[in-house]
Amino acid sequence: MSPWGSVLVDGHRLGEAPLEVRLPAGEHELVAEVKGATRVRQVVRVDAGVRTKRFLP
């Protein structure tokens, strides 16, 4: 995500991109926000014990 922006997971602001977090297995909503720009939203499924990467434009 460029320029850097805020990252929210399941409605909770976790910090600025780039960001690495551990999430429990299941579906999660990722939202990337850049001030003055459109929000990007993506729902991802995280499998237990599997590393999952997502890049939001």
PDB file of N, CA and C in Angstrom:
ATOM      1  N   MET A   1       0.852  -1.167   0.000  1.00  0.00           N
ATOM      2  CA  MET A   1       0.000   0.000   0.000  1.00  0.00           C
ATOM      3  C   MET A   1       0.891   1.221   0.000  1.00  0.00           C
ATOM      4  N   SER A   2       0.705   2.087  -0.968  1.00  0.00           N
ATOM      5  CA  SER A   2       1.563   3.259  -1.072  1.00  0.00           C
ATOM      6  C   SER A   2       0.721   4.451  -1.475  1.00  0.00           C
ATOM      7  N   PRO A   3       0.785   5.600  -0.833  1.00  0.00           N
ATOM      8  CA  PRO A   3       1.634   5.860   0.335  1.00  0.00           C
ATOM      9  C   PRO A   3       1.130   5.100   1.557  1.00  0.00           C
ATOM     10  N   TRP A   4       1.946   5.077   2.620  1.00  0.00           N
ATOM     11  CA  TRP A   4       1.568   4.356   3.834  1.00  0.00           C
ATOM     12  C   TRP A   4       0.206   4.825   4.301  1.00  0.00           C
ATOM     13  N   GLY A   5      -0.531   3.910   4.875  1.00  0.00           N
ATOM     14  CA  GLY A   5      -1.859   4.247   5.380  1.00  0.00           C
ATOM     15  C   GLY A   5      -2.180   3.403   6.593  1.00  0.00           C
ATOM     16  N   SER A   6      -3.337   3.655   7.170  1.00  0.00           N
ATOM     17  CA  SER A   6      -3.787   2.923   8.350  1.00  0.00           C
ATOM     18  C   SER A   6      -4.373   1.579   7.950  1.00  0.00           C
ATOM     19  N   VAL A   7      -4.170   0.589   8.817  1.00  0.00           N
ATOM     20  CA  VAL A   7      -4.697  -0.752   8.582  1.00  0.00           C
ATOM     21  C   VAL A   7      -5.664  -1.087   9.716  1.00  0.00           C
ATOM     22  N   LEU A   8      -6.859  -1.540   9.313  1.00  0.00           N
ATOM     23  CA  LEU A   8      -7.853  -1.995  10.274  1.00  0.00           C
ATOM     24  C   LEU A   8      -8.157  -3.458   9.990  1.00  0.00           C
ATOM     25  N   VAL A   9      -8.310  -4.244  11.061  1.00  0.00           N
ATOM     26  CA  VAL A   9      -8.701  -5.645  10.927  1.00  0.00           C
ATOM     27  C   VAL A   9      -9.915  -5.840  11.820  1.00  0.00           C
ATOM     28  N   ASP A  10     -10.992  -6.292  11.206  1.00  0.00           N
ATOM     29  CA  ASP A  10     -12.247  -6.520  11.924  1.00  0.00           C
ATOM     30  C   ASP A  10     -12.682  -5.263  12.692  1.00  0.00           C
ATOM     31  N   GLY A  11     -12.468  -4.102  12.095  1.00  0.00           N
ATOM     32  CA  GLY A  11     -12.910  -2.839  12.688  1.00  0.00           C
ATOM     33  C   GLY A  11     -11.965  -2.228  13.700  1.00  0.00           C
ATOM     34  N   HIS A  12     -10.838  -2.871  13.956  1.00  0.00           N
ATOM     35  CA  HIS A  12      -9.864  -2.360  14.934  1.00  0.00           C
ATOM     36  C   HIS A  12      -8.628  -1.832  14.210  1.00  0.00           C
ATOM     37  N   ARG A  13      -8.281  -0.577  14.481  1.00  0.00           N
ATOM     38  CA  ARG A  13      -7.095   0.030  13.875  1.00  0.00           C
ATOM     39  C   ARG A  13      -5.855  -0.598  14.514  1.00  0.00           C
ATOM     40  N   LEU A  14      -5.006  -1.211  13.663  1.00  0.00           N
ATOM     41  CA  LEU A  14      -3.834  -1.919  14.177  1.00  0.00           C
ATOM     42  C   LEU A  14      -2.532  -1.177  13.951  1.00  0.00           C
ATOM     43  N   GLY A  15      -2.528  -0.169  13.079  1.00  0.00           N
ATOM     44  CA  GLY A  15      -1.303   0.571  12.843  1.00  0.00           C
ATOM     45  C   GLY A  15      -1.165   0.996  11.402  1.00  0.00           C
ATOM     46  N   GLU A  16       0.067   1.324  11.037  1.00  0.00           N
ATOM     47  CA  GLU A  16       0.371   1.808   9.695  1.00  0.00           C
ATOM     48  C   GLU A  16       1.001   0.701   8.854  1.00  0.00           C
ATOM     49  N   ALA A  17       0.681   0.717   7.574  1.00  0.00           N
ATOM     50  CA  ALA A  17       1.275  -0.253   6.630  1.00  0.00           C
ATOM     51  C   ALA A  17       2.721   0.140   6.369  1.00  0.00           C
ATOM     52  N   PRO A  18       3.604  -0.805   6.112  1.00  0.00           N
ATOM     53  CA  PRO A  18       3.371  -2.249   6.109  1.00  0.00           C
ATOM     54  C   PRO A  18       3.216  -2.769   7.527  1.00  0.00           C
ATOM     55  N   LEU A  19       2.473  -3.870   7.664  1.00  0.00           N
ATOM     56  CA  LEU A  19       2.136  -4.374   8.984  1.00  0.00           C
ATOM     57  C   LEU A  19       2.035  -5.899   8.938  1.00  0.00           C
ATOM     58  N   GLU A  20       2.535  -6.548   9.969  1.00  0.00           N
ATOM     59  CA  GLU A  20       2.401  -7.992  10.088  1.00  0.00           C
ATOM     60  C   GLU A  20       1.704  -8.283  11.404  1.00  0.00           C
ATOM     61  N   VAL A  21       0.621  -9.064  11.355  1.00  0.00           N
ATOM     62  CA  VAL A  21      -0.141  -9.388  12.562  1.00  0.00           C
ATOM     63  C   VAL A  21      -0.471 -10.877  12.586  1.00  0.00           C
ATOM     64  N   ARG A  22      -0.724 -11.381  13.758  1.00  0.00           N
ATOM     65  CA  ARG A  22      -1.183 -12.770  13.922  1.00  0.00           C
ATOM     66  C   ARG A  22      -2.686 -12.702  14.191  1.00  0.00           C
ATOM     67  N   LEU A  23      -3.423 -13.522  13.434  1.00  0.00           N
ATOM     68  CA  LEU A  23      -4.874 -13.549  13.577  1.00  0.00           C
ATOM     69  C   LEU A  23      -5.331 -14.978  13.819  1.00  0.00           C
ATOM     70  N   PRO A  24      -6.426 -15.148  14.546  1.00  0.00           N
ATOM     71  CA  PRO A  24      -6.969 -16.494  14.711  1.00  0.00           C
ATOM     72  C   PRO A  24      -7.538 -16.990  13.382  1.00  0.00           C
ATOM     73  N   ALA A  25      -7.656 -18.302  13.255  1.00  0.00           N
ATOM     74  CA  ALA A  25      -8.224 -18.879  12.035  1.00  0.00           C
ATOM     75  C   ALA A  25      -9.647 -18.364  11.843  1.00  0.00           C
ATOM     76  N   GLY A  26     -10.034 -18.221  10.576  1.00  0.00           N
ATOM     77  CA  GLY A  26     -11.386 -17.770  10.243  1.00  0.00           C
ATOM     78  C   GLY A  26     -11.353 -16.616   9.261  1.00  0.00           C
ATOM     79  N   GLU A  27     -12.510 -16.010   9.025  1.00  0.00           N
ATOM     80  CA  GLU A  27     -12.602 -14.875   8.104  1.00  0.00           C
ATOM     81  C   GLU A  27     -12.383 -13.572   8.847  1.00  0.00           C
ATOM     82  N   HIS A  28     -11.676 -12.674   8.190  1.00  0.00           N
ATOM     83  CA  HIS A  28     -11.388 -11.362   8.762  1.00  0.00           C
ATOM     84  C   HIS A  28     -11.536 -10.294   7.691  1.00  0.00           C
ATOM     85  N   GLU A  29     -12.007  -9.121   8.099  1.00  0.00           N
ATOM     86  CA  GLU A  29     -12.130  -7.995   7.181  1.00  0.00           C
ATOM     87  C   GLU A  29     -10.897  -7.101   7.323  1.00  0.00           C
ATOM     88  N   LEU A  30     -10.184  -6.907   6.223  1.00  0.00           N
ATOM     89  CA  LEU A  30      -9.041  -5.998   6.190  1.00  0.00           C
ATOM     90  C   LEU A  30      -9.469  -4.712   5.507  1.00  0.00           C
ATOM     91  N   VAL A  31      -9.100  -3.584   6.084  1.00  0.00           N
ATOM     92  CA  VAL A  31      -9.389  -2.285   5.486  1.00  0.00           C
ATOM     93  C   VAL A  31      -8.115  -1.455   5.513  1.00  0.00           C
ATOM     94  N   ALA A  32      -7.789  -0.858   4.375  1.00  0.00           N
ATOM     95  CA  ALA A  32      -6.650   0.050   4.284  1.00  0.00           C
ATOM     96  C   ALA A  32      -7.198   1.445   3.997  1.00  0.00           C
ATOM     97  N   GLU A  33      -6.738   2.423   4.751  1.00  0.00           N
ATOM     98  CA  GLU A  33      -7.186   3.805   4.592  1.00  0.00           C
ATOM     99  C   GLU A  33      -5.990   4.719   4.372  1.00  0.00           C
ATOM    100  N   VAL A  34      -6.079   5.538   3.352  1.00  0.00           N
ATOM    101  CA  VAL A  34      -5.100   6.594   3.135  1.00  0.00           C
ATOM    102  C   VAL A  34      -5.861   7.899   3.254  1.00  0.00           C
ATOM    103  N   LYS A  35      -5.396   8.802   4.092  1.00  0.00           N
ATOM    104  CA  LYS A  35      -6.097  10.059   4.319  1.00  0.00           C
ATOM    105  C   LYS A  35      -6.370  10.772   2.995  1.00  0.00           C
ATOM    106  N   GLY A  36      -7.633  11.133   2.788  1.00  0.00           N
ATOM    107  CA  GLY A  36      -8.021  11.836   1.574  1.00  0.00           C
ATOM    108  C   GLY A  36      -8.237  10.930   0.372  1.00  0.00           C
ATOM    109  N   ALA A  37      -8.152   9.612   0.568  1.00  0.00           N
ATOM    110  CA  ALA A  37      -8.323   8.664  -0.540  1.00  0.00           C
ATOM    111  C   ALA A  37      -9.419   7.658  -0.191  1.00  0.00           C
ATOM    112  N   THR A  38      -9.735   6.826  -1.148  1.00  0.00           N
ATOM    113  CA  THR A  38     -10.748   5.799  -0.962  1.00  0.00           C
ATOM    114  C   THR A  38     -10.239   4.680  -0.060  1.00  0.00           C
ATOM    115  N   ARG A  39     -11.159   4.101   0.693  1.00  0.00           N
ATOM    116  CA  ARG A  39     -10.817   2.947   1.529  1.00  0.00           C
ATOM    117  C   ARG A  39     -10.812   1.694   0.657  1.00  0.00           C
ATOM    118  N   VAL A  40      -9.891   0.790   0.944  1.00  0.00           N
ATOM    119  CA  VAL A  40      -9.823  -0.492   0.254  1.00  0.00           C
ATOM    120  C   VAL A  40     -10.201  -1.562   1.275  1.00  0.00           C
ATOM    121  N   ARG A  41     -11.155  -2.415   0.902  1.00  0.00           N
ATOM    122  CA  ARG A  41     -11.654  -3.448   1.820  1.00  0.00           C
ATOM    123  C   ARG A  41     -11.482  -4.816   1.173  1.00  0.00           C
ATOM    124  N   GLN A  42     -11.088  -5.794   1.985  1.00  0.00           N
ATOM    125  CA  GLN A  42     -10.936  -7.155   1.492  1.00  0.00           C
ATOM    126  C   GLN A  42     -11.235  -8.118   2.639  1.00  0.00           C
ATOM    127  N   VAL A  43     -12.023  -9.151   2.348  1.00  0.00           N
ATOM    128  CA  VAL A  43     -12.286 -10.198   3.337  1.00  0.00           C
ATOM    129  C   VAL A  43     -11.352 -11.355   3.021  1.00  0.00           C
ATOM    130  N   VAL A  44     -10.640 -11.831   4.038  1.00  0.00           N
ATOM    131  CA  VAL A  44      -9.690 -12.927   3.844  1.00  0.00           C
ATOM    132  C   VAL A  44     -10.003 -14.065   4.803  1.00  0.00           C
ATOM    133  N   ARG A  45      -9.669 -15.256   4.376  1.00  0.00           N
ATOM    134  CA  ARG A  45      -9.798 -16.429   5.234  1.00  0.00           C
ATOM    135  C   ARG A  45      -8.405 -16.851   5.672  1.00  0.00           C
ATOM    136  N   VAL A  46      -8.236 -16.984   6.983  1.00  0.00           N
ATOM    137  CA  VAL A  46      -6.965 -17.399   7.561  1.00  0.00           C
ATOM    138  C   VAL A  46      -7.124 -18.841   8.039  1.00  0.00           C
ATOM    139  N   ASP A  47      -6.255 -19.723   7.558  1.00  0.00           N
ATOM    140  CA  ASP A  47      -6.271 -21.120   7.999  1.00  0.00           C
ATOM    141  C   ASP A  47      -5.294 -21.295   9.153  1.00  0.00           C
ATOM    142  N   ALA A  48      -5.633 -22.138  10.107  1.00  0.00           N
ATOM    143  CA  ALA A  48      -4.788 -22.384  11.280  1.00  0.00           C
ATOM    144  C   ALA A  48      -3.416 -22.906  10.851  1.00  0.00           C
ATOM    145  N   GLY A  49      -2.377 -22.295  11.394  1.00  0.00           N
ATOM    146  CA  GLY A  49      -1.020 -22.746  11.149  1.00  0.00           C
ATOM    147  C   GLY A  49      -0.447 -22.390   9.788  1.00  0.00           C
ATOM    148  N   VAL A  50      -1.158 -21.584   9.014  1.00  0.00           N
ATOM    149  CA  VAL A  50      -0.710 -21.217   7.671  1.00  0.00           C
ATOM    150  C   VAL A  50      -0.476 -19.714   7.611  1.00  0.00           C
ATOM    151  N   ARG A  51       0.674 -19.313   7.097  1.00  0.00           N
ATOM    152  CA  ARG A  51       0.982 -17.890   6.942  1.00  0.00           C
ATOM    153  C   ARG A  51       0.251 -17.383   5.702  1.00  0.00           C
ATOM    154  N   THR A  52      -0.472 -16.286   5.854  1.00  0.00           N
ATOM    155  CA  THR A  52      -1.249 -15.712   4.769  1.00  0.00           C
ATOM    156  C   THR A  52      -0.794 -14.274   4.542  1.00  0.00           C
ATOM    157  N   LYS A  53      -0.480 -13.927   3.303  1.00  0.00           N
ATOM    158  CA  LYS A  53      -0.066 -12.554   2.977  1.00  0.00           C
ATOM    159  C   LYS A  53      -1.131 -11.907   2.110  1.00  0.00           C
ATOM    160  N   ARG A  54      -1.351 -10.626   2.352  1.00  0.00           N
ATOM    161  CA  ARG A  54      -2.256  -9.849   1.522  1.00  0.00           C
ATOM    162  C   ARG A  54      -1.620  -8.505   1.228  1.00  0.00           C
ATOM    163  N   PHE A  55      -1.743  -8.096  -0.016  1.00  0.00           N
ATOM    164  CA  PHE A  55      -1.259  -6.781  -0.451  1.00  0.00           C
ATOM    165  C   PHE A  55      -2.460  -6.030  -0.959  1.00  0.00           C
ATOM    166  N   LEU A  56      -2.748  -4.889  -0.362  1.00  0.00           N
ATOM    167  CA  LEU A  56      -3.875  -4.070  -0.800  1.00  0.00           C
ATOM    168  C   LEU A  56      -3.346  -2.893  -1.606  1.00  0.00           C
ATOM    169  N   PRO A  57      -4.004  -2.622  -2.731  1.00  0.00           N
ATOM    170  CA  PRO A  57      -3.502  -1.522  -3.593  1.00  0.00           C
ATOM    171  C   PRO A  57      -3.656  -0.169  -2.941  1.00  0.00           C
TER     172      PRO A  57
END
